[in-house]
Amino acid sequence: MNAPDDLSMKNDDVLKIELAVFRSEHRDLDDAIDALTERGIADPLTLQRLKKRKLRLKDKIARIEDRLTPDIIA
């Protein structure tokens, strides 16, 4: 998905959909990394790229969750 990173221009419904897509993609990457590691068929560069992509997704997920979670003043 080629969505802009500016979360302020998106409504909550769009963010919830993107969050679900990003979580799914994150799980898929995790499964792919595990499968390649178990089989020992992936080169280190491929694994590194997949892990970096997974980390970028994790960061996007965290930003969206922060935006969707209301601030609670104690």
PDB file of N, CA and C in Angstrom:
ATOM      1  N   MET A   1       0.851  -1.167   0.000  1.00  0.00           N
ATOM      2  CA  MET A   1       0.000   0.000   0.000  1.00  0.00           C
ATOM      3  C   MET A   1       0.895   1.228   0.000  1.00  0.00           C
ATOM      4  N   ASN A   2       0.628   2.162  -0.856  1.00  0.00           N
ATOM      5  CA  ASN A   2       1.453   3.346  -1.005  1.00  0.00           C
ATOM      6  C   ASN A   2       0.766   4.552  -0.384  1.00  0.00           C
ATOM      7  N   ALA A   3       0.523   4.510   0.908  1.00  0.00           N
ATOM      8  CA  ALA A   3      -0.179   5.584   1.590  1.00  0.00           C
ATOM      9  C   ALA A   3       0.822   6.613   2.100  1.00  0.00           C
ATOM     10  N   PRO A   4       0.451   7.900   2.022  1.00  0.00           N
ATOM     11  CA  PRO A   4       1.333   8.916   2.575  1.00  0.00           C
ATOM     12  C   PRO A   4       1.430   8.761   4.087  1.00  0.00           C
ATOM     13  N   ASP A   5       2.543   9.211   4.657  1.00  0.00           N
ATOM     14  CA  ASP A   5       2.770   9.053   6.089  1.00  0.00           C
ATOM     15  C   ASP A   5       2.096  10.126   6.935  1.00  0.00           C
ATOM     16  N   ASP A   6       1.479  11.126   6.328  1.00  0.00           N
ATOM     17  CA  ASP A   6       0.837  12.196   7.073  1.00  0.00           C
ATOM     18  C   ASP A   6      -0.498  11.693   7.624  1.00  0.00           C
ATOM     19  N   LEU A   7      -0.502  11.332   8.898  1.00  0.00           N
ATOM     20  CA  LEU A   7      -1.695  10.760   9.518  1.00  0.00           C
ATOM     21  C   LEU A   7      -2.766  11.809   9.803  1.00  0.00           C
ATOM     22  N   SER A   8      -2.375  13.077   9.869  1.00  0.00           N
ATOM     23  CA  SER A   8      -3.335  14.115  10.222  1.00  0.00           C
ATOM     24  C   SER A   8      -4.387  14.325   9.133  1.00  0.00           C
ATOM     25  N   MET A   9      -4.105  13.892   7.912  1.00  0.00           N
ATOM     26  CA  MET A   9      -5.039  14.085   6.807  1.00  0.00           C
ATOM     27  C   MET A   9      -6.011  12.915   6.645  1.00  0.00           C
ATOM     28  N   LYS A  10      -5.910  11.909   7.504  1.00  0.00           N
ATOM     29  CA  LYS A  10      -6.741  10.717   7.364  1.00  0.00           C
ATOM     30  C   LYS A  10      -7.713  10.619   8.526  1.00  0.00           C
ATOM     31  N   ASN A  11      -8.917  10.124   8.229  1.00  0.00           N
ATOM     32  CA  ASN A  11      -9.874   9.944   9.318  1.00  0.00           C
ATOM     33  C   ASN A  11      -9.642   8.598   9.991  1.00  0.00           C
ATOM     34  N   ASP A  12     -10.300   8.386  11.112  1.00  0.00           N
ATOM     35  CA  ASP A  12     -10.060   7.189  11.920  1.00  0.00           C
ATOM     36  C   ASP A  12     -10.425   5.901  11.188  1.00  0.00           C
ATOM     37  N   ASP A  13     -11.462   5.932  10.365  1.00  0.00           N
ATOM     38  CA  ASP A  13     -11.860   4.728   9.634  1.00  0.00           C
ATOM     39  C   ASP A  13     -10.768   4.281   8.664  1.00  0.00           C
ATOM     40  N   VAL A  14     -10.181   5.229   7.976  1.00  0.00           N
ATOM     41  CA  VAL A  14      -9.096   4.917   7.043  1.00  0.00           C
ATOM     42  C   VAL A  14      -7.900   4.375   7.809  1.00  0.00           C
ATOM     43  N   LEU A  15      -7.596   4.984   8.941  1.00  0.00           N
ATOM     44  CA  LEU A  15      -6.459   4.540   9.744  1.00  0.00           C
ATOM     45  C   LEU A  15      -6.671   3.126  10.278  1.00  0.00           C
ATOM     46  N   LYS A  16      -7.897   2.799  10.667  1.00  0.00           N
ATOM     47  CA  LYS A  16      -8.182   1.448  11.166  1.00  0.00           C
ATOM     48  C   LYS A  16      -7.997   0.406  10.073  1.00  0.00           C
ATOM     49  N   ILE A  17      -8.392   0.738   8.867  1.00  0.00           N
ATOM     50  CA  ILE A  17      -8.208  -0.180   7.739  1.00  0.00           C
ATOM     51  C   ILE A  17      -6.724  -0.346   7.439  1.00  0.00           C
ATOM     52  N   GLU A  18      -5.999   0.756   7.392  1.00  0.00           N
ATOM     53  CA  GLU A  18      -4.553   0.688   7.153  1.00  0.00           C
ATOM     54  C   GLU A  18      -3.858  -0.109   8.250  1.00  0.00           C
ATOM     55  N   LEU A  19      -4.291   0.077   9.485  1.00  0.00           N
ATOM     56  CA  LEU A  19      -3.708  -0.649  10.604  1.00  0.00           C
ATOM     57  C   LEU A  19      -3.884  -2.155  10.422  1.00  0.00           C
ATOM     58  N   ALA A  20      -5.061  -2.569  10.025  1.00  0.00           N
ATOM     59  CA  ALA A  20      -5.307  -3.997   9.788  1.00  0.00           C
ATOM     60  C   ALA A  20      -4.434  -4.530   8.659  1.00  0.00           C
ATOM     61  N   VAL A  21      -4.297  -3.756   7.596  1.00  0.00           N
ATOM     62  CA  VAL A  21      -3.466  -4.171   6.460  1.00  0.00           C
ATOM     63  C   VAL A  21      -1.995  -4.270   6.881  1.00  0.00           C
ATOM     64  N   PHE A  22      -1.519  -3.277   7.609  1.00  0.00           N
ATOM     65  CA  PHE A  22      -0.121  -3.278   8.040  1.00  0.00           C
ATOM     66  C   PHE A  22       0.165  -4.422   9.012  1.00  0.00           C
ATOM     67  N   ARG A  23      -0.776  -4.704   9.919  1.00  0.00           N
ATOM     68  CA  ARG A  23      -0.588  -5.826  10.848  1.00  0.00           C
ATOM     69  C   ARG A  23      -0.526  -7.149  10.096  1.00  0.00           C
ATOM     70  N   SER A  24      -1.383  -7.294   9.106  1.00  0.00           N
ATOM     71  CA  SER A  24      -1.386  -8.511   8.303  1.00  0.00           C
ATOM     72  C   SER A  24      -0.073  -8.671   7.544  1.00  0.00           C
ATOM     73  N   GLU A  25       0.376  -7.591   6.945  1.00  0.00           N
ATOM     74  CA  GLU A  25       1.643  -7.629   6.203  1.00  0.00           C
ATOM     75  C   GLU A  25       2.815  -7.926   7.148  1.00  0.00           C
ATOM     76  N   HIS A  26       2.770  -7.381   8.359  1.00  0.00           N
ATOM     77  CA  HIS A  26       3.807  -7.616   9.355  1.00  0.00           C
ATOM     78  C   HIS A  26       3.858  -9.107   9.724  1.00  0.00           C
ATOM     79  N   ARG A  27       2.682  -9.708   9.933  1.00  0.00           N
ATOM     80  CA  ARG A  27       2.624 -11.144  10.235  1.00  0.00           C
ATOM     81  C   ARG A  27       3.147 -11.975   9.073  1.00  0.00           C
ATOM     82  N   ASP A  28       2.773 -11.588   7.858  1.00  0.00           N
ATOM     83  CA  ASP A  28       3.245 -12.312   6.673  1.00  0.00           C
ATOM     84  C   ASP A  28       4.765 -12.251   6.551  1.00  0.00           C
ATOM     85  N   LEU A  29       5.322 -11.078   6.799  1.00  0.00           N
ATOM     86  CA  LEU A  29       6.779 -10.945   6.753  1.00  0.00           C
ATOM     87  C   LEU A  29       7.442 -11.801   7.831  1.00  0.00           C
ATOM     88  N   ASP A  30       6.843 -11.816   9.007  1.00  0.00           N
ATOM     89  CA  ASP A  30       7.379 -12.633  10.091  1.00  0.00           C
ATOM     90  C   ASP A  30       7.383 -14.109   9.699  1.00  0.00           C
ATOM     91  N   ASP A  31       6.286 -14.569   9.110  1.00  0.00           N
ATOM     92  CA  ASP A  31       6.203 -15.961   8.653  1.00  0.00           C
ATOM     93  C   ASP A  31       7.231 -16.253   7.561  1.00  0.00           C
ATOM     94  N   ALA A  32       7.395 -15.320   6.642  1.00  0.00           N
ATOM     95  CA  ALA A  32       8.358 -15.508   5.553  1.00  0.00           C
ATOM     96  C   ALA A  32       9.787 -15.575   6.086  1.00  0.00           C
ATOM     97  N   ILE A  33      10.109 -14.702   7.024  1.00  0.00           N
ATOM     98  CA  ILE A  33      11.444 -14.698   7.614  1.00  0.00           C
ATOM     99  C   ILE A  33      11.691 -16.013   8.346  1.00  0.00           C
ATOM    100  N   ASP A  34      10.710 -16.466   9.115  1.00  0.00           N
ATOM    101  CA  ASP A  34      10.849 -17.736   9.827  1.00  0.00           C
ATOM    102  C   ASP A  34      11.039 -18.898   8.865  1.00  0.00           C
ATOM    103  N   ALA A  35      10.257 -18.929   7.792  1.00  0.00           N
ATOM    104  CA  ALA A  35      10.350 -20.022   6.830  1.00  0.00           C
ATOM    105  C   ALA A  35      11.711 -20.033   6.144  1.00  0.00           C
ATOM    106  N   LEU A  36      12.189 -18.861   5.744  1.00  0.00           N
ATOM    107  CA  LEU A  36      13.491 -18.785   5.081  1.00  0.00           C
ATOM    108  C   LEU A  36      14.622 -19.167   6.031  1.00  0.00           C
ATOM    109  N   THR A  37      14.491 -18.782   7.277  1.00  0.00           N
ATOM    110  CA  THR A  37      15.514 -19.096   8.264  1.00  0.00           C
ATOM    111  C   THR A  37      15.542 -20.597   8.556  1.00  0.00           C
ATOM    112  N   GLU A  38      14.364 -21.200   8.704  1.00  0.00           N
ATOM    113  CA  GLU A  38      14.291 -22.637   8.992  1.00  0.00           C
ATOM    114  C   GLU A  38      14.894 -23.469   7.861  1.00  0.00           C
ATOM    115  N   ARG A  39      14.597 -23.076   6.653  1.00  0.00           N
ATOM    116  CA  ARG A  39      15.083 -23.835   5.501  1.00  0.00           C
ATOM    117  C   ARG A  39      16.534 -23.530   5.163  1.00  0.00           C
ATOM    118  N   GLY A  40      17.015 -22.389   5.618  1.00  0.00           N
ATOM    119  CA  GLY A  40      18.397 -22.010   5.355  1.00  0.00           C
ATOM    120  C   GLY A  40      18.664 -21.688   3.897  1.00  0.00           C
ATOM    121  N   ILE A  41      17.625 -21.245   3.169  1.00  0.00           N
ATOM    122  CA  ILE A  41      17.801 -20.982   1.745  1.00  0.00           C
ATOM    123  C   ILE A  41      17.957 -19.503   1.413  1.00  0.00           C
ATOM    124  N   ALA A  42      17.753 -18.641   2.403  1.00  0.00           N
ATOM    125  CA  ALA A  42      17.809 -17.205   2.127  1.00  0.00           C
ATOM    126  C   ALA A  42      19.220 -16.677   2.361  1.00  0.00           C
ATOM    127  N   ASP A  43      19.611 -15.779   1.505  1.00  0.00           N
ATOM    128  CA  ASP A  43      20.899 -15.133   1.725  1.00  0.00           C
ATOM    129  C   ASP A  43      20.729 -14.044   2.788  1.00  0.00           C
ATOM    130  N   PRO A  44      21.798 -13.675   3.462  1.00  0.00           N
ATOM    131  CA  PRO A  44      21.714 -12.684   4.543  1.00  0.00           C
ATOM    132  C   PRO A  44      21.150 -11.334   4.098  1.00  0.00           C
ATOM    133  N   LEU A  45      21.441 -10.936   2.876  1.00  0.00           N
ATOM    134  CA  LEU A  45      20.949  -9.647   2.391  1.00  0.00           C
ATOM    135  C   LEU A  45      19.430  -9.648   2.273  1.00  0.00           C
ATOM    136  N   THR A  46      18.869 -10.730   1.770  1.00  0.00           N
ATOM    137  CA  THR A  46      17.412 -10.847   1.659  1.00  0.00           C
ATOM    138  C   THR A  46      16.763 -10.808   3.038  1.00  0.00           C
ATOM    139  N   LEU A  47      17.330 -11.557   3.974  1.00  0.00           N
ATOM    140  CA  LEU A  47      16.786 -11.548   5.334  1.00  0.00           C
ATOM    141  C   LEU A  47      16.865 -10.158   5.953  1.00  0.00           C
ATOM    142  N   GLN A  48      17.980  -9.475   5.731  1.00  0.00           N
ATOM    143  CA  GLN A  48      18.141  -8.125   6.282  1.00  0.00           C
ATOM    144  C   GLN A  48      17.094  -7.172   5.708  1.00  0.00           C
ATOM    145  N   ARG A  49      16.847  -7.265   4.415  1.00  0.00           N
ATOM    146  CA  ARG A  49      15.842  -6.402   3.785  1.00  0.00           C
ATOM    147  C   ARG A  49      14.445  -6.684   4.319  1.00  0.00           C
ATOM    148  N   LEU A  50      14.122  -7.965   4.476  1.00  0.00           N
ATOM    149  CA  LEU A  50      12.805  -8.330   5.010  1.00  0.00           C
ATOM    150  C   LEU A  50      12.645  -7.831   6.442  1.00  0.00           C
ATOM    151  N   LYS A  51      13.691  -7.955   7.235  1.00  0.00           N
ATOM    152  CA  LYS A  51      13.628  -7.502   8.625  1.00  0.00           C
ATOM    153  C   LYS A  51      13.499  -5.985   8.712  1.00  0.00           C
ATOM    154  N   LYS A  52      14.177  -5.264   7.836  1.00  0.00           N
ATOM    155  CA  LYS A  52      14.049  -3.795   7.825  1.00  0.00           C
ATOM    156  C   LYS A  52      12.645  -3.378   7.417  1.00  0.00           C
ATOM    157  N   ARG A  53      12.105  -4.075   6.429  1.00  0.00           N
ATOM    158  CA  ARG A  53      10.732  -3.778   6.000  1.00  0.00           C
ATOM    159  C   ARG A  53       9.744  -4.054   7.126  1.00  0.00           C
ATOM    160  N   LYS A  54       9.963  -5.140   7.844  1.00  0.00           N
ATOM    161  CA  LYS A  54       9.115  -5.488   8.984  1.00  0.00           C
ATOM    162  C   LYS A  54       9.207  -4.420  10.069  1.00  0.00           C
ATOM    163  N   LEU A  55      10.409  -3.909  10.313  1.00  0.00           N
ATOM    164  CA  LEU A  55      10.607  -2.864  11.316  1.00  0.00           C
ATOM    165  C   LEU A  55       9.915  -1.561  10.910  1.00  0.00           C
ATOM    166  N   ARG A  56       9.987  -1.219   9.619  1.00  0.00           N
ATOM    167  CA  ARG A  56       9.281  -0.018   9.144  1.00  0.00           C
ATOM    168  C   ARG A  56       7.778  -0.166   9.343  1.00  0.00           C
ATOM    169  N   LEU A  57       7.265  -1.353   9.083  1.00  0.00           N
ATOM    170  CA  LEU A  57       5.832  -1.600   9.305  1.00  0.00           C
ATOM    171  C   LEU A  57       5.482  -1.476  10.784  1.00  0.00           C
ATOM    172  N   LYS A  58       6.348  -1.995  11.645  1.00  0.00           N
ATOM    173  CA  LYS A  58       6.108  -1.898  13.082  1.00  0.00           C
ATOM    174  C   LYS A  58       6.029  -0.432  13.509  1.00  0.00           C
ATOM    175  N   ASP A  59       6.904   0.398  12.965  1.00  0.00           N
ATOM    176  CA  ASP A  59       6.884   1.829  13.274  1.00  0.00           C
ATOM    177  C   ASP A  59       5.590   2.483  12.787  1.00  0.00           C
ATOM    178  N   LYS A  60       5.150   2.120  11.581  1.00  0.00           N
ATOM    179  CA  LYS A  60       3.894   2.666  11.050  1.00  0.00           C
ATOM    180  C   LYS A  60       2.716   2.244  11.927  1.00  0.00           C
ATOM    181  N   ILE A  61       2.722   0.989  12.346  1.00  0.00           N
ATOM    182  CA  ILE A  61       1.654   0.478  13.206  1.00  0.00           C
ATOM    183  C   ILE A  61       1.623   1.259  14.510  1.00  0.00           C
ATOM    184  N   ALA A  62       2.779   1.492  15.099  1.00  0.00           N
ATOM    185  CA  ALA A  62       2.851   2.233  16.366  1.00  0.00           C
ATOM    186  C   ALA A  62       2.337   3.663  16.204  1.00  0.00           C
ATOM    187  N   ARG A  63       2.697   4.327  15.089  1.00  0.00           N
ATOM    188  CA  ARG A  63       2.217   5.699  14.862  1.00  0.00           C
ATOM    189  C   ARG A  63       0.696   5.735  14.706  1.00  0.00           C
ATOM    190  N   ILE A  64       0.154   4.777  13.983  1.00  0.00           N
ATOM    191  CA  ILE A  64      -1.300   4.748  13.791  1.00  0.00           C
ATOM    192  C   ILE A  64      -2.005   4.449  15.109  1.00  0.00           C
ATOM    193  N   GLU A  65      -1.477   3.505  15.884  1.00  0.00           N
ATOM    194  CA  GLU A  65      -2.088   3.188  17.181  1.00  0.00           C
ATOM    195  C   GLU A  65      -2.055   4.394  18.102  1.00  0.00           C
ATOM    196  N   ASP A  66      -0.960   5.141  18.073  1.00  0.00           N
ATOM    197  CA  ASP A  66      -0.870   6.352  18.889  1.00  0.00           C
ATOM    198  C   ASP A  66      -1.921   7.375  18.467  1.00  0.00           C
ATOM    199  N   ARG A  67      -2.133   7.482  17.181  1.00  0.00           N
ATOM    200  CA  ARG A  67      -3.125   8.444  16.671  1.00  0.00           C
ATOM    201  C   ARG A  67      -4.542   8.022  17.042  1.00  0.00           C
ATOM    202  N   LEU A  68      -4.808   6.718  17.016  1.00  0.00           N
ATOM    203  CA  LEU A  68      -6.154   6.230  17.302  1.00  0.00           C
ATOM    204  C   LEU A  68      -6.469   6.160  18.794  1.00  0.00           C
ATOM    205  N   THR A  69      -5.440   6.074  19.631  1.00  0.00           N
ATOM    206  CA  THR A  69      -5.643   5.966  21.058  1.00  0.00           C
ATOM    207  C   THR A  69      -5.744   7.371  21.647  1.00  0.00           C
ATOM    208  N   PRO A  70      -6.862   7.656  22.290  1.00  0.00           N
ATOM    209  CA  PRO A  70      -7.019   9.004  22.861  1.00  0.00           C
ATOM    210  C   PRO A  70      -6.074   9.220  24.045  1.00  0.00           C
ATOM    211  N   ASP A  71      -5.622  10.455  24.187  1.00  0.00           N
ATOM    212  CA  ASP A  71      -4.774  10.806  25.325  1.00  0.00           C
ATOM    213  C   ASP A  71      -5.645  10.867  26.570  1.00  0.00           C
ATOM    214  N   ILE A  72      -5.191  10.197  27.598  1.00  0.00           N
ATOM    215  CA  ILE A  72      -5.929  10.205  28.859  1.00  0.00           C
ATOM    216  C   ILE A  72      -5.132  11.015  29.871  1.00  0.00           C
ATOM    217  N   ILE A  73      -5.741  12.066  30.349  1.00  0.00           N
ATOM    218  CA  ILE A  73      -5.082  12.924  31.325  1.00  0.00           C
ATOM    219  C   ILE A  73      -5.435  12.396  32.697  1.00  0.00           C
ATOM    220  N   ALA A  74      -4.404  12.010  33.449  1.00  0.00           N
ATOM    221  CA  ALA A  74      -4.641  11.421  34.774  1.00  0.00           C
ATOM    222  C   ALA A  74      -4.791  12.482  35.811  1.00  0.00           C
TER     223      ALA A  74
END
